[in-house]
Amino acid sequence: MAQGDSIAFISRGRTIATGAIVDIIESTAAVVVLSAAFGDSLAHRVTDQLELVRRPIPAPPVLRVGYPSGSRSNLIIDCGRTTLTLPGPVHAYRVEEKTDHRFRLVRDPDAIVRPSWPDTLIVRLFDESGDEEIAMERGDLDVAVFWPGELSTHARALPTMIEGVGTMRGGVIGAIWLGPERAPDDSVAITVPDLHALGQLQTDLLGYDLAPYGVRGFEHPDSSWRPSAEHSTARFEVDHALPGWRALEVYLDRHSGPRAARERPGRIWVFYVDASWYDPPAVANAIARRFGSGPVPPACRARAESLAAGFRASGDAYADAKALQRALGERLHARMLFVPACALLCRPALREYLRFGPGLESLGNLLDCSPAPPR
């Protein structure tokens, strides 16, 4: 069995459910997502002797994929340099043709690669997102991956749209209260209106391409501690590591109330850390490094270092996002907010193949993005 294979569950000669393998665990177990069940549910048949029929997912002989080029940036991501990461083991594909904006990769017939990958992979890089959208609509591409917020309203309404396929790089966006020196209640400083203003970045600027960090990314931990105002009363500053920091800062300050414009009673720094969102200890370490060079008070830098050291000392590689959020709120008046995600367009006939074959995450990260160092 292989990831992407379709599976039929047969009981007494009758198909009772169908699905697809989404994961193989240590070569001993398969995780199957059911797409249909017929008659009695599969749960009622677990005591029966089930027959499994495997149907490998058919891979197209050629897959044409479009990506942003290294010269294309947006509000969140500025690569500077992009590198093609070949699927499968080293030398599974050989580069048959290469230009500045086009790669043709041919699969080695002797290489062991997941069977859902095509024999030929054609990768095109686009300097303009509009040109990539046009190529998709003309049928020149099978799949097109876009930076967060790039897709036009027209493209988002197409039946080819799949959102949130991956990031092409690790990264998380967070926010920290920087002043006054003491938080309004000495425990939590980022208010419900502050979070609302930050959340509006999704709808107004980035087309829902920012996924909330963790299950409760935008839920305030305790809305009773401070009266909720209609507008944020903080002044926002945005990390210069984000290429669109000026536009983001203008947008956020426009959502601050008149009191913030007059008095500026508090400052919130929106920062970016280059770490895998699903690895909270790595995120904690990246926060400590970023605070070391950012506009953060020395005492706060020391607390960030202590927090990161605590995660390292625990040795818990599986510490969850909730634990990190709680520690950030209690010790730093900070919280993680977003995970930038790329959007994907595909031909409708390839939708199931992409989900259960190569996998959306694999396609999203086929192009490795190396960001410029923070300023």
Protein backbone atom coordinates (compact mmCIF):
# COMPACT_ATOMS: atom_id res chain seq x y z
CA MET A 1 0.00 0.00 0.00
CA ALA A 2 1.06 3.59 -0.61
CA GLN A 3 -0.17 7.02 0.34
CA GLY A 4 -2.80 8.10 -2.16
CA ASP A 5 -4.09 4.62 -2.94
CA SER A 6 -7.86 4.24 -2.92
CA ILE A 7 -9.25 1.50 -0.69
CA ALA A 8 -12.54 -0.40 -0.85
CA PHE A 9 -13.82 -2.28 2.21
CA ILE A 10 -15.63 -5.49 1.18
CA SER A 11 -17.88 -7.43 3.56
CA ARG A 12 -19.49 -10.69 2.37
CA GLY A 13 -18.95 -9.72 -1.23
CA ARG A 14 -20.46 -6.23 -0.86
CA THR A 15 -18.62 -2.89 -0.83
CA ILE A 16 -19.51 -1.15 2.42
CA ALA A 17 -17.08 1.80 2.30
CA THR A 18 -14.44 3.45 0.16
CA GLY A 19 -11.66 5.88 0.99
CA ALA A 20 -8.06 6.88 0.41
CA ILE A 21 -4.83 6.28 2.30
CA VAL A 22 -3.54 9.59 3.67
CA ASP A 23 -0.65 8.27 5.77
CA ILE A 24 1.45 5.15 6.37
CA ILE A 25 2.70 4.72 9.95
CA GLU A 26 6.00 2.87 10.30
CA SER A 27 5.06 0.46 7.50
CA THR A 28 2.60 -1.30 9.84
CA ALA A 29 -0.59 0.77 9.73
CA ALA A 30 -2.46 2.89 7.23
CA VAL A 31 -4.62 5.93 7.96
CA VAL A 32 -7.65 5.96 5.66
CA VAL A 33 -10.06 8.85 5.14
CA LEU A 34 -13.47 7.51 4.14
CA SER A 35 -15.16 9.14 1.17
CA ALA A 36 -18.33 7.02 1.14
CA ALA A 37 -20.13 4.40 3.23
CA PHE A 38 -22.97 2.22 2.00
CA GLY A 39 -25.73 0.63 4.05
CA ASP A 40 -24.62 -0.14 7.59
CA SER A 41 -21.71 1.93 8.79
CA LEU A 42 -18.22 0.48 8.73
CA ALA A 43 -18.15 0.68 12.54
CA HIS A 44 -20.89 -1.96 12.70
CA ARG A 45 -18.77 -4.32 10.62
CA VAL A 46 -15.52 -4.29 12.55
CA THR A 47 -16.19 -7.80 13.82
CA ASP A 48 -16.68 -9.09 10.28
CA GLN A 49 -13.84 -10.45 8.23
CA LEU A 50 -13.25 -7.53 5.89
CA GLU A 51 -11.58 -7.76 2.52
CA LEU A 52 -9.56 -4.76 1.44
CA VAL A 53 -9.20 -3.98 -2.25
CA ARG A 54 -6.44 -1.52 -3.11
CA ARG A 55 -6.51 0.59 -6.23
CA PRO A 56 -3.35 2.66 -6.77
CA ILE A 57 -4.16 6.26 -7.58
CA PRO A 58 -3.37 6.88 -11.26
CA ALA A 59 -0.66 9.50 -11.72
CA PRO A 60 -0.67 11.66 -14.85
CA PRO A 61 2.40 11.08 -17.04
CA VAL A 62 3.19 14.83 -16.95
CA LEU A 63 2.40 17.40 -14.25
CA ARG A 64 2.89 21.12 -15.05
CA VAL A 65 3.27 23.28 -11.93
CA GLY A 66 3.65 27.06 -11.62
CA TYR A 67 5.35 28.90 -8.74
CA PRO A 68 6.38 32.47 -7.86
CA SER A 69 9.87 33.36 -9.04
CA GLY A 70 12.55 34.66 -6.70
CA SER A 71 11.89 38.24 -7.83
CA ARG A 72 8.23 38.10 -6.77
CA SER A 73 7.36 39.23 -3.26
CA ASN A 74 4.25 40.27 -1.38
CA LEU A 75 3.33 41.71 2.01
CA ILE A 76 4.42 38.59 3.92
CA ILE A 77 7.04 36.74 1.87
CA ASP A 78 10.17 37.92 0.06
CA CYS A 79 12.30 35.00 -1.00
CA GLY A 80 15.32 36.57 -2.61
CA ARG A 81 16.40 33.06 -3.64
CA THR A 82 14.35 30.00 -4.57
CA THR A 83 15.61 26.44 -4.88
CA LEU A 84 13.82 23.49 -6.42
CA THR A 85 13.57 20.58 -3.97
CA LEU A 86 13.18 17.36 -5.94
CA PRO A 87 10.58 14.85 -4.69
CA GLY A 88 11.76 11.48 -3.42
CA PRO A 89 15.37 10.44 -2.77
CA VAL A 90 18.37 12.14 -4.33
CA HIS A 91 18.61 11.53 -8.08
CA ALA A 92 15.04 10.20 -8.26
CA TYR A 93 14.49 12.87 -10.91
CA ARG A 94 17.06 14.20 -13.32
CA VAL A 95 16.94 17.74 -14.69
CA GLU A 96 16.51 17.34 -18.44
CA GLU A 97 15.97 21.01 -19.23
CA LYS A 98 16.70 24.14 -17.21
CA THR A 99 16.32 27.87 -17.82
CA ASP A 100 15.83 30.82 -15.47
CA HIS A 101 12.08 30.25 -15.40
CA ARG A 102 11.52 26.64 -16.47
CA PHE A 103 12.61 23.18 -15.31
CA ARG A 104 11.81 19.86 -16.92
CA LEU A 105 12.39 16.92 -14.56
CA VAL A 106 12.25 13.30 -15.69
CA ARG A 107 11.84 10.46 -13.25
CA ASP A 108 14.55 7.80 -13.11
CA PRO A 109 12.78 4.49 -13.82
CA ASP A 110 15.09 2.69 -11.39
CA ALA A 111 14.55 5.13 -8.50
CA ILE A 112 12.20 4.28 -5.65
CA VAL A 113 9.68 7.12 -5.56
CA ARG A 114 6.15 7.20 -4.28
CA PRO A 115 4.11 5.94 -7.26
CA SER A 116 1.79 8.93 -7.14
CA TRP A 117 4.50 11.24 -8.50
CA PRO A 118 4.40 11.69 -12.30
CA ASP A 119 7.03 10.50 -14.76
CA THR A 120 7.70 14.07 -15.91
CA LEU A 121 7.45 17.22 -13.82
CA ILE A 122 7.52 20.62 -15.53
CA VAL A 123 8.06 23.58 -13.21
CA ARG A 124 7.58 27.17 -14.38
CA LEU A 125 8.45 30.28 -12.37
CA PHE A 126 6.44 33.47 -12.85
CA ASP A 127 7.54 37.03 -12.07
CA GLU A 128 3.92 38.25 -11.93
CA SER A 129 0.98 36.56 -10.22
CA GLY A 130 -1.36 37.80 -12.97
CA ASP A 131 0.68 35.97 -15.62
CA GLU A 132 0.47 32.78 -13.56
CA GLU A 133 -3.31 33.11 -13.26
CA ILE A 134 -3.59 33.61 -17.04
CA ALA A 135 -1.43 30.55 -17.71
CA MET A 136 -3.71 28.52 -15.47
CA GLU A 137 -6.87 29.72 -17.21
CA ARG A 138 -5.38 29.04 -20.65
CA GLY A 139 -4.63 25.46 -19.71
CA ASP A 140 -0.85 25.91 -19.80
CA LEU A 141 -0.58 24.68 -16.18
CA ASP A 142 -2.12 21.84 -14.22
CA VAL A 143 -1.30 23.36 -10.82
CA ALA A 144 -0.42 26.91 -9.75
CA VAL A 145 0.88 27.93 -6.30
CA PHE A 146 0.65 31.55 -5.10
CA TRP A 147 2.03 33.59 -2.23
CA PRO A 148 -0.41 34.58 0.56
CA GLY A 149 -2.90 37.19 -0.59
CA GLU A 150 -1.81 37.21 -4.24
CA LEU A 151 -4.83 35.59 -5.87
CA SER A 152 -7.38 37.90 -7.47
CA THR A 153 -11.02 37.84 -6.42
CA HIS A 154 -11.83 36.32 -9.80
CA ALA A 155 -9.39 33.43 -9.30
CA ARG A 156 -10.66 32.72 -5.78
CA ALA A 157 -14.15 32.16 -7.19
CA LEU A 158 -12.98 29.53 -9.68
CA PRO A 159 -13.85 25.84 -9.07
CA THR A 160 -10.12 25.13 -9.36
CA MET A 161 -9.40 26.86 -6.05
CA ILE A 162 -7.84 24.99 -3.12
CA GLU A 163 -6.67 27.10 -0.20
CA GLY A 164 -3.90 26.69 2.35
CA VAL A 165 -1.54 24.14 0.80
CA GLY A 166 1.64 24.94 2.70
CA THR A 167 4.09 27.74 3.27
CA MET A 168 7.10 26.98 1.03
CA ARG A 169 9.05 27.88 4.17
CA GLY A 170 8.60 27.75 7.91
CA GLY A 171 7.27 30.86 9.57
CA VAL A 172 4.89 32.27 12.16
CA ILE A 173 3.63 35.80 12.82
CA GLY A 174 3.09 36.95 16.39
CA ALA A 175 2.48 40.08 18.45
CA ILE A 176 3.89 41.43 21.71
CA TRP A 177 2.86 44.32 23.96
CA LEU A 178 5.79 46.75 24.27
CA GLY A 179 4.41 49.51 26.43
CA PRO A 180 3.57 51.18 28.68
CA GLU A 181 6.00 49.24 30.84
CA ARG A 182 3.19 47.58 32.79
CA ALA A 183 0.23 45.89 31.14
CA PRO A 184 -3.20 47.32 32.07
CA ASP A 185 -3.87 44.39 34.43
CA ASP A 186 -0.31 43.14 34.92
CA SER A 187 -1.14 39.89 33.09
CA VAL A 188 -2.54 40.30 29.59
CA ALA A 189 -2.06 43.36 27.42
CA ILE A 190 -3.36 42.45 23.95
CA THR A 191 -7.09 43.14 24.00
CA VAL A 192 -10.05 41.76 22.10
CA PRO A 193 -10.17 44.86 19.84
CA ASP A 194 -6.42 44.49 19.21
CA LEU A 195 -6.95 40.90 18.10
CA HIS A 196 -9.89 41.96 15.96
CA ALA A 197 -7.73 44.52 14.14
CA LEU A 198 -5.04 41.91 13.56
CA GLY A 199 -7.59 39.36 12.39
CA GLN A 200 -8.93 41.82 9.81
CA LEU A 201 -5.62 41.51 7.98
CA GLN A 202 -6.98 38.20 6.75
CA THR A 203 -10.09 39.49 5.05
CA ASP A 204 -8.96 42.92 3.90
CA LEU A 205 -5.38 42.37 2.74
CA LEU A 206 -4.54 38.68 2.50
CA GLY A 207 -7.65 36.84 1.37
CA TYR A 208 -7.79 34.35 4.26
CA ASP A 209 -4.30 33.05 3.40
CA LEU A 210 -3.14 33.46 7.02
CA ALA A 211 -4.10 30.43 9.07
CA PRO A 212 -4.61 31.06 12.82
CA TYR A 213 -1.79 29.62 14.91
CA GLY A 214 -3.10 26.76 17.03
CA VAL A 215 -6.70 25.84 17.66
CA ARG A 216 -7.46 29.07 19.56
CA GLY A 217 -5.31 31.46 17.56
CA PHE A 218 -7.68 34.43 17.83
CA GLU A 219 -9.64 33.64 20.97
CA HIS A 220 -8.80 36.00 23.79
CA PRO A 221 -7.74 34.07 26.93
CA ASP A 222 -9.92 36.16 29.25
CA SER A 223 -12.15 38.83 27.80
CA SER A 224 -13.41 39.87 31.25
CA TRP A 225 -10.17 41.38 32.49
CA ARG A 226 -10.47 44.58 30.46
CA PRO A 227 -13.54 46.29 28.95
CA SER A 228 -13.85 45.63 25.23
CA ALA A 229 -13.73 48.77 23.09
CA GLU A 230 -14.92 49.12 19.52
CA HIS A 231 -11.44 49.97 18.26
CA SER A 232 -7.95 49.05 19.33
CA THR A 233 -6.31 51.76 21.42
CA ALA A 234 -2.76 50.59 20.73
CA ARG A 235 -0.23 51.82 18.20
CA PHE A 236 1.01 49.00 15.98
CA GLU A 237 4.58 48.58 14.80
CA VAL A 238 5.41 45.86 12.26
CA ASP A 239 8.60 43.82 11.99
CA HIS A 240 10.81 45.12 9.18
CA ALA A 241 11.57 41.49 8.32
CA LEU A 242 8.17 41.47 6.57
CA PRO A 243 8.52 43.03 3.10
CA GLY A 244 5.15 44.78 3.37
CA TRP A 245 5.70 46.14 6.87
CA ARG A 246 4.86 49.73 5.90
CA ALA A 247 1.51 48.81 4.33
CA LEU A 248 0.66 46.50 7.25
CA GLU A 249 1.52 49.21 9.77
CA VAL A 250 -0.60 51.82 7.99
CA TYR A 251 -3.52 49.39 7.81
CA LEU A 252 -3.36 48.44 11.50
CA ASP A 253 -3.02 52.01 12.71
CA ARG A 254 -6.00 52.96 10.57
CA HIS A 255 -8.00 50.47 12.66
CA SER A 256 -6.93 52.11 15.91
CA GLY A 257 -9.43 54.40 17.57
CA PRO A 258 -9.16 58.21 17.98
CA ARG A 259 -7.72 57.72 21.47
CA ALA A 260 -4.74 55.84 20.01
CA ALA A 261 -4.19 58.60 17.47
CA ARG A 262 -4.12 61.23 20.25
CA GLU A 263 -2.49 59.49 23.16
CA ARG A 264 -0.71 56.37 21.86
CA PRO A 265 -1.05 54.71 25.28
CA GLY A 266 0.38 51.38 24.19
CA ARG A 267 2.57 49.79 21.53
CA ILE A 268 2.14 46.36 19.95
CA TRP A 269 4.97 44.98 17.84
CA VAL A 270 3.87 42.50 15.16
CA PHE A 271 6.87 40.24 14.52
CA TYR A 272 7.88 37.35 12.27
CA VAL A 273 9.92 34.28 13.25
CA ASP A 274 11.36 31.79 10.77
CA ALA A 275 10.46 28.44 12.37
CA SER A 276 8.14 25.53 11.66
CA TRP A 277 4.74 26.30 13.19
CA TYR A 278 4.21 22.66 14.25
CA ASP A 279 7.39 22.67 16.40
CA PRO A 280 6.66 24.91 19.44
CA PRO A 281 10.16 24.49 20.97
CA ALA A 282 11.67 25.70 17.67
CA VAL A 283 9.22 28.62 17.63
CA ALA A 284 10.23 29.53 21.21
CA ASN A 285 13.92 29.52 20.23
CA ALA A 286 13.20 31.63 17.13
CA ILE A 287 11.28 34.15 19.25
CA ALA A 288 14.26 34.51 21.61
CA ARG A 289 16.59 35.10 18.65
CA ARG A 290 14.25 37.64 17.03
CA PHE A 291 13.71 39.53 20.28
CA GLY A 292 17.48 39.70 20.65
CA SER A 293 17.71 41.99 17.62
CA GLY A 294 14.25 43.56 17.68
CA PRO A 295 12.85 46.62 19.51
CA VAL A 296 12.21 44.65 22.69
CA PRO A 297 13.23 45.81 26.20
CA PRO A 298 16.19 43.94 27.75
CA ALA A 299 14.05 42.44 30.51
CA CYS A 300 11.67 41.01 27.93
CA ARG A 301 14.59 39.57 25.94
CA ALA A 302 15.80 37.84 29.08
CA ARG A 303 12.36 36.34 29.72
CA ALA A 304 12.20 35.12 26.11
CA GLU A 305 15.60 33.43 26.53
CA SER A 306 14.40 31.82 29.76
CA LEU A 307 11.21 30.58 28.11
CA ALA A 308 13.14 29.07 25.20
CA ALA A 309 15.60 27.43 27.59
CA GLY A 310 12.69 25.90 29.48
CA PHE A 311 11.29 24.35 26.32
CA ARG A 312 14.75 23.02 25.40
CA ALA A 313 15.33 21.60 28.88
CA SER A 314 11.98 19.83 28.91
CA GLY A 315 13.07 17.79 25.90
CA ASP A 316 9.43 17.62 24.87
CA ALA A 317 9.53 17.70 21.09
CA TYR A 318 5.75 17.32 21.06
CA ALA A 319 4.88 20.31 23.25
CA ASP A 320 1.71 21.73 21.77
CA ALA A 321 0.82 25.19 20.52
CA LYS A 322 -1.53 25.75 23.46
CA ALA A 323 1.33 25.37 25.96
CA LEU A 324 3.45 27.86 24.04
CA GLN A 325 0.59 30.36 23.78
CA ARG A 326 -0.03 30.13 27.51
CA ALA A 327 3.65 30.65 28.34
CA LEU A 328 3.95 33.59 25.94
CA GLY A 329 0.90 35.30 27.41
CA GLU A 330 1.89 34.78 31.04
CA ARG A 331 5.58 35.66 30.74
CA LEU A 332 5.91 37.99 27.75
CA HIS A 333 2.49 39.58 27.09
CA ALA A 334 2.80 38.03 23.62
CA ARG A 335 0.99 35.51 21.46
CA MET A 336 1.45 33.79 18.11
CA LEU A 337 -1.17 34.78 15.55
CA PHE A 338 -0.73 33.53 11.99
CA VAL A 339 0.87 30.84 9.87
CA PRO A 340 1.22 32.20 6.30
CA ALA A 341 -0.20 29.68 3.84
CA CYS A 342 0.06 29.57 0.07
CA ALA A 343 -3.00 29.16 -2.15
CA LEU A 344 -3.25 26.61 -4.94
CA LEU A 345 -5.22 26.41 -8.18
CA CYS A 346 -5.57 23.11 -10.00
CA ARG A 347 -7.52 21.51 -12.80
CA PRO A 348 -10.72 20.06 -11.30
CA ALA A 349 -9.94 16.58 -12.64
CA LEU A 350 -6.72 16.55 -10.58
CA ARG A 351 -8.20 17.63 -7.26
CA GLU A 352 -8.43 14.18 -5.64
CA TYR A 353 -5.11 13.08 -7.16
CA LEU A 354 -3.33 16.08 -5.64
CA ARG A 355 -4.92 15.65 -2.21
CA PHE A 356 -4.23 11.95 -1.87
CA GLY A 357 -1.31 11.50 -4.29
CA PRO A 358 1.75 13.75 -3.96
CA GLY A 359 -0.06 15.73 -1.27
CA LEU A 360 -0.78 19.45 -1.21
CA GLU A 361 1.94 20.13 1.36
CA SER A 362 4.55 18.38 -0.79
CA LEU A 363 3.60 20.45 -3.82
CA GLY A 364 3.51 23.65 -1.79
CA ASN A 365 7.03 23.02 -0.52
CA LEU A 366 8.56 21.71 -3.74
CA LEU A 367 10.04 25.18 -4.16
CA ASP A 368 12.24 26.12 -1.21
CA CYS A 369 12.27 29.80 -0.34
CA SER A 370 15.30 31.32 1.38
CA PRO A 371 14.31 34.66 2.96
CA ALA A 372 16.57 37.64 3.31
CA PRO A 373 17.93 38.07 6.87
CA PRO A 374 15.86 40.29 9.22
CA ARG A 375 16.74 43.96 9.21
